[in-house]
C-alpha atoms as a PDB file:
ATOM      1  CA  MET A   1     117.491 -66.742  93.075  1.00  0.00           C
ATOM      2  CA  THR A   2     116.017 -63.929  90.815  1.00  0.00           C
ATOM      3  CA  LEU A   3     112.851 -62.412  91.662  1.00  0.00           C
ATOM      4  CA  PRO A   4     110.377 -61.780  88.799  1.00  0.00           C
ATOM      5  CA  ALA A   5     110.550 -58.452  87.213  1.00  0.00           C
ATOM      6  CA  PRO A   6     107.610 -56.018  88.234  1.00  0.00           C
ATOM      7  CA  PRO A   7     105.182 -55.299  85.443  1.00  0.00           C
ATOM      8  CA  PRO A   8     105.873 -52.001  83.572  1.00  0.00           C
ATOM      9  CA  PRO A   9     104.120 -48.964  84.550  1.00  0.00           C
ATOM     10  CA  PRO A  10     100.632 -48.813  83.381  1.00  0.00           C
ATOM     11  CA  SER A  11      99.384 -46.547  80.525  1.00  0.00           C
ATOM     12  CA  ILE A  12      96.570 -45.060  82.700  1.00  0.00           C
ATOM     13  CA  SER A  13      96.901 -42.387  85.238  1.00  0.00           C
ATOM     14  CA  PRO A  14      98.083 -43.384  88.887  1.00  0.00           C
ATOM     15  CA  GLU A  15      94.804 -42.317  90.091  1.00  0.00           C
ATOM     16  CA  GLN A  16      92.971 -44.365  87.649  1.00  0.00           C
ATOM     17  CA  MET A  17      95.098 -47.307  88.629  1.00  0.00           C
ATOM     18  CA  ASN A  18      94.591 -47.087  92.311  1.00  0.00           C
ATOM     19  CA  VAL A  19      90.685 -46.869  91.785  1.00  0.00           C
ATOM     20  CA  LEU A  20      90.963 -50.168  89.675  1.00  0.00           C
ATOM     21  CA  ARG A  21      93.084 -51.705  92.210  1.00  0.00           C
ATOM     22  CA  ILE A  22      90.653 -51.054  94.989  1.00  0.00           C
ATOM     23  CA  ILE A  23      87.969 -52.433  93.131  1.00  0.00           C
ATOM     24  CA  ALA A  24      89.731 -55.410  92.230  1.00  0.00           C
ATOM     25  CA  SER A  25      90.917 -55.852  96.044  1.00  0.00           C
ATOM     26  CA  MET A  26      87.161 -55.680  96.933  1.00  0.00           C
ATOM     27  CA  ALA A  27      86.590 -58.487  94.293  1.00  0.00           C
ATOM     28  CA  TRP A  28      89.397 -60.490  95.447  1.00  0.00           C
ATOM     29  CA  SER A  29      87.972 -60.165  99.215  1.00  0.00           C
ATOM     30  CA  ASP A  30      86.322 -63.797  99.101  1.00  0.00           C
ATOM     31  CA  GLY A  31      89.536 -65.144  97.877  1.00  0.00           C
ATOM     32  CA  ASN A  32      88.245 -65.626  94.427  1.00  0.00           C
ATOM     33  CA  LEU A  33      88.426 -63.547  91.299  1.00  0.00           C
ATOM     34  CA  ALA A  34      87.084 -65.737  88.373  1.00  0.00           C
ATOM     35  CA  ASP A  35      88.597 -65.657  84.956  1.00  0.00           C
ATOM     36  CA  GLU A  36      85.340 -64.485  83.434  1.00  0.00           C
ATOM     37  CA  GLU A  37      85.055 -61.652  85.940  1.00  0.00           C
ATOM     38  CA  ALA A  38      88.467 -60.547  85.179  1.00  0.00           C
ATOM     39  CA  ASP A  39      88.077 -60.879  81.473  1.00  0.00           C
ATOM     40  CA  LEU A  40      84.944 -58.630  81.691  1.00  0.00           C
ATOM     41  CA  MET A  41      86.516 -55.960  83.803  1.00  0.00           C
ATOM     42  CA  LEU A  42      89.484 -55.983  81.488  1.00  0.00           C
ATOM     43  CA  ASP A  43      87.380 -55.601  78.340  1.00  0.00           C
ATOM     44  CA  ARG A  44      85.190 -52.924  80.031  1.00  0.00           C
ATOM     45  CA  PHE A  45      88.140 -50.715  81.874  1.00  0.00           C
ATOM     46  CA  SER A  46      90.357 -50.970  78.644  1.00  0.00           C
ATOM     47  CA  GLY A  47      87.487 -49.713  76.336  1.00  0.00           C
ATOM     48  CA  MET A  48      87.448 -46.663  78.442  1.00  0.00           C
ATOM     49  CA  PHE A  49      91.238 -45.663  78.323  1.00  0.00           C
ATOM     50  CA  ALA A  50      92.050 -46.940  74.680  1.00  0.00           C
ATOM     51  CA  ALA A  51      91.498 -45.083  71.494  1.00  0.00           C
ATOM     52  CA  ASP A  52      91.427 -47.926  69.238  1.00  0.00           C
ATOM     53  CA  ALA A  53      91.362 -51.736  69.189  1.00  0.00           C
ATOM     54  CA  PRO A  54      95.037 -52.454  69.084  1.00  0.00           C
ATOM     55  CA  GLN A  55      95.682 -50.166  71.895  1.00  0.00           C
ATOM     56  CA  LYS A  56      92.576 -51.722  73.746  1.00  0.00           C
ATOM     57  CA  ALA A  57      94.157 -55.185  73.290  1.00  0.00           C
ATOM     58  CA  ALA A  58      97.376 -53.996  74.537  1.00  0.00           C
ATOM     59  CA  LEU A  59      95.976 -52.422  77.668  1.00  0.00           C
ATOM     60  CA  GLN A  60      93.968 -55.599  78.486  1.00  0.00           C
ATOM     61  CA  GLU A  61      97.136 -57.511  78.765  1.00  0.00           C
ATOM     62  CA  GLU A  62      99.048 -54.477  80.609  1.00  0.00           C
ATOM     63  CA  LEU A  63      96.095 -54.260  83.280  1.00  0.00           C
ATOM     64  CA  ARG A  64      95.699 -58.074  83.695  1.00  0.00           C
ATOM     65  CA  ASP A  65      98.883 -58.209  85.765  1.00  0.00           C
ATOM     66  CA  TYR A  66      97.663 -55.423  87.950  1.00  0.00           C
ATOM     67  CA  LEU A  67      94.212 -56.888  88.280  1.00  0.00           C
ATOM     68  CA  MET A  68      95.631 -60.265  89.416  1.00  0.00           C
ATOM     69  CA  GLN A  69      97.798 -58.722  92.274  1.00  0.00           C
ATOM     70  CA  ASN A  70      95.546 -58.717  95.324  1.00  0.00           C
ATOM     71  CA  ILE A  71      97.112 -55.575  97.136  1.00  0.00           C
ATOM     72  CA  PRO A  72      95.586 -54.717 100.643  1.00  0.00           C
ATOM     73  CA  LEU A  73      93.197 -51.832 101.017  1.00  0.00           C
ATOM     74  CA  ASN A  74      95.438 -50.220 103.584  1.00  0.00           C
ATOM     75  CA  GLU A  75      98.078 -49.753 101.054  1.00  0.00           C
ATOM     76  CA  LEU A  76      95.684 -48.520  98.441  1.00  0.00           C
ATOM     77  CA  VAL A  77      93.170 -46.297 100.279  1.00  0.00           C
ATOM     78  CA  PRO A  78      95.643 -43.909 101.641  1.00  0.00           C
ATOM     79  CA  ARG A  79      96.722 -43.043  97.938  1.00  0.00           C
ATOM     80  CA  LEU A  80      93.083 -41.536  96.886  1.00  0.00           C
ATOM     81  CA  GLN A  81      93.526 -38.177  96.587  1.00  0.00           C
ATOM     82  CA  THR A  82      89.842 -36.538  96.363  1.00  0.00           C
ATOM     83  CA  ASN A  83      86.707 -36.932  97.965  1.00  0.00           C
ATOM     84  CA  ALA A  84      85.175 -37.937  94.732  1.00  0.00           C
ATOM     85  CA  GLU A  85      87.516 -40.818  94.387  1.00  0.00           C
ATOM     86  CA  ARG A  86      86.891 -41.877  97.979  1.00  0.00           C
ATOM     87  CA  GLU A  87      83.159 -41.769  97.381  1.00  0.00           C
ATOM     88  CA  LEU A  88      83.357 -43.531  94.233  1.00  0.00           C
ATOM     89  CA  VAL A  89      85.468 -46.568  95.545  1.00  0.00           C
ATOM     90  CA  LEU A  90      83.028 -47.123  98.432  1.00  0.00           C
ATOM     91  CA  LYS A  91      80.050 -47.135  96.133  1.00  0.00           C
ATOM     92  CA  LEU A  92      81.828 -49.509  93.680  1.00  0.00           C
ATOM     93  CA  GLY A  93      83.010 -51.640  96.538  1.00  0.00           C
ATOM     94  CA  TYR A  94      79.520 -52.017  97.958  1.00  0.00           C
ATOM     95  CA  GLU A  95      78.361 -53.103  94.505  1.00  0.00           C
ATOM     96  CA  VAL A  96      80.972 -55.560  93.961  1.00  0.00           C
ATOM     97  CA  ILE A  97      80.355 -57.460  97.229  1.00  0.00           C
ATOM     98  CA  HIS A  98      76.546 -57.312  96.898  1.00  0.00           C
ATOM     99  CA  SER A  99      77.075 -58.626  93.060  1.00  0.00           C
ATOM    100  CA  SER A 100      76.895 -62.540  93.597  1.00  0.00           C
ATOM    101  CA  ALA A 101      77.380 -65.550  95.881  1.00  0.00           C
ATOM    102  CA  ARG A 102      80.166 -67.986  95.256  1.00  0.00           C
ATOM    103  CA  THR A 103      77.548 -70.722  95.688  1.00  0.00           C
ATOM    104  CA  PRO A 104      73.711 -70.878  95.630  1.00  0.00           C
ATOM    105  CA  ASP A 105      73.464 -71.804  99.416  1.00  0.00           C
ATOM    106  CA  GLU A 106      75.980 -68.995 100.342  1.00  0.00           C
ATOM    107  CA  ALA A 107      74.707 -65.487 101.572  1.00  0.00           C
ATOM    108  CA  LEU A 108      74.974 -62.639  98.929  1.00  0.00           C
ATOM    109  CA  VAL A 109      77.686 -61.023 101.240  1.00  0.00           C
ATOM    110  CA  ASN A 110      79.976 -63.530 102.913  1.00  0.00           C
ATOM    111  CA  VAL A 111      81.985 -63.202 106.004  1.00  0.00           C
ATOM    112  CA  GLU A 112      85.261 -62.129 103.981  1.00  0.00           C
ATOM    113  CA  GLU A 113      83.327 -59.598 102.010  1.00  0.00           C
ATOM    114  CA  ALA A 114      81.694 -58.090 104.811  1.00  0.00           C
ATOM    115  CA  GLU A 115      85.085 -57.679 106.668  1.00  0.00           C
ATOM    116  CA  ALA A 116      86.728 -56.022 103.664  1.00  0.00           C
ATOM    117  CA  TYR A 117      83.806 -53.644 103.376  1.00  0.00           C
ATOM    118  CA  ARG A 118      84.128 -52.904 106.954  1.00  0.00           C
ATOM    119  CA  GLU A 119      87.885 -52.234 106.425  1.00  0.00           C
ATOM    120  CA  LEU A 120      87.255 -49.928 103.423  1.00  0.00           C
ATOM    121  CA  VAL A 121      84.717 -47.923 105.356  1.00  0.00           C
ATOM    122  CA  GLU A 122      87.081 -47.647 108.226  1.00  0.00           C
ATOM    123  CA  LEU A 123      89.864 -46.580 106.071  1.00  0.00           C
ATOM    124  CA  LEU A 124      87.852 -43.953 104.180  1.00  0.00           C
ATOM    125  CA  GLY A 125      86.813 -42.574 107.518  1.00  0.00           C
ATOM    126  CA  PHE A 126      83.323 -41.423 106.278  1.00  0.00           C
ATOM    127  CA  ALA A 127      80.620 -40.325 108.839  1.00  0.00           C
ATOM    128  CA  PRO A 128      77.787 -42.956 108.964  1.00  0.00           C
ATOM    129  CA  GLU A 129      75.348 -40.642 107.183  1.00  0.00           C
ATOM    130  CA  THR A 130      77.760 -40.598 104.155  1.00  0.00           C
ATOM    131  CA  VAL A 131      78.048 -44.354 104.067  1.00  0.00           C
ATOM    132  CA  SER A 132      74.527 -44.755 104.296  1.00  0.00           C
ATOM    133  CA  ARG A 133      73.884 -42.320 101.476  1.00  0.00           C
ATOM    134  CA  ILE A 134      76.389 -43.991  99.311  1.00  0.00           C
ATOM    135  CA  GLN A 135      75.016 -47.376 100.070  1.00  0.00           C
ATOM    136  CA  ALA A 136      71.589 -46.224  99.035  1.00  0.00           C
ATOM    137  CA  GLU A 137      72.865 -44.901  95.852  1.00  0.00           C
ATOM    138  CA  ALA A 138      74.614 -48.315  95.178  1.00  0.00           C
ATOM    139  CA  LEU A 139      71.537 -50.296  95.944  1.00  0.00           C
ATOM    140  CA  SER A 140      69.399 -47.921  93.729  1.00  0.00           C
ATOM    141  CA  SER A 141      72.034 -48.608  90.926  1.00  0.00           C
ATOM    142  CA  ALA A 142      71.565 -52.269  91.460  1.00  0.00           C
ATOM    143  CA  GLU A 143      67.886 -52.074  91.286  1.00  0.00           C
ATOM    144  CA  ASP A 144      68.137 -50.658  87.887  1.00  0.00           C
ATOM    145  CA  GLY A 145      69.111 -54.246  86.545  1.00  0.00           C
ATOM    146  CA  GLU A 146      72.360 -53.016  84.935  1.00  0.00           C
ATOM    147  CA  PRO A 147      74.963 -55.850  85.041  1.00  0.00           C
ATOM    148  CA  LEU A 148      77.804 -55.207  87.632  1.00  0.00           C
ATOM    149  CA  VAL A 149      80.638 -54.735  85.223  1.00  0.00           C
ATOM    150  CA  GLN A 150      78.564 -52.470  83.154  1.00  0.00           C
ATOM    151  CA  SER A 151      77.806 -50.513  86.116  1.00  0.00           C
ATOM    152  CA  LEU A 152      81.210 -50.183  87.382  1.00  0.00           C
ATOM    153  CA  SER A 153      82.555 -49.100  84.022  1.00  0.00           C
ATOM    154  CA  ARG A 154      79.909 -46.537  83.542  1.00  0.00           C
ATOM    155  CA  GLN A 155      80.565 -44.967  86.699  1.00  0.00           C
ATOM    156  CA  LEU A 156      84.142 -45.105  86.588  1.00  0.00           C
ATOM    157  CA  GLU A 157      83.928 -43.542  83.025  1.00  0.00           C
ATOM    158  CA  GLU A 158      81.743 -40.816  84.323  1.00  0.00           C
ATOM    159  CA  PHE A 159      84.127 -40.182  87.329  1.00  0.00           C
ATOM    160  CA  LEU A 160      87.166 -39.780  84.772  1.00  0.00           C
ATOM    161  CA  GLN A 161      85.260 -37.387  82.688  1.00  0.00           C
ATOM    162  CA  GLN A 162      84.815 -35.009  85.515  1.00  0.00           C
END
């Protein structure tokens, strides 16, 4: 039996890919990543890294394979290299799990999402005050009314320009 070939290496940096994978992992934490969510994330993220429309389309296809992989947080978080990366994934992870419920009668943050977030916090090893500060920043961003994927892409773009 032949195993399928792994996707080719991405044309974005390993650090950028790791942040994207952590965000995707948080989005997958409830066991569901809707096609619409994936398409929107791919559109925004590829637009940040591509120089023109053909490159953007190619990058969307390239990143789709990576986005659809649900890699455990305990494999991804140790690869974060800076405190800024760690704070960014905590903030974006918090925003992702607070973005929507799967059904109208479900809590905004379900049990699986809460557990994934707890694991992320534990793996990052931040002091409780730092976690509280980052959560407050995330809630403040959410109150601005900016759609989640736009917020994620804006914050990721700002981070990458540092």
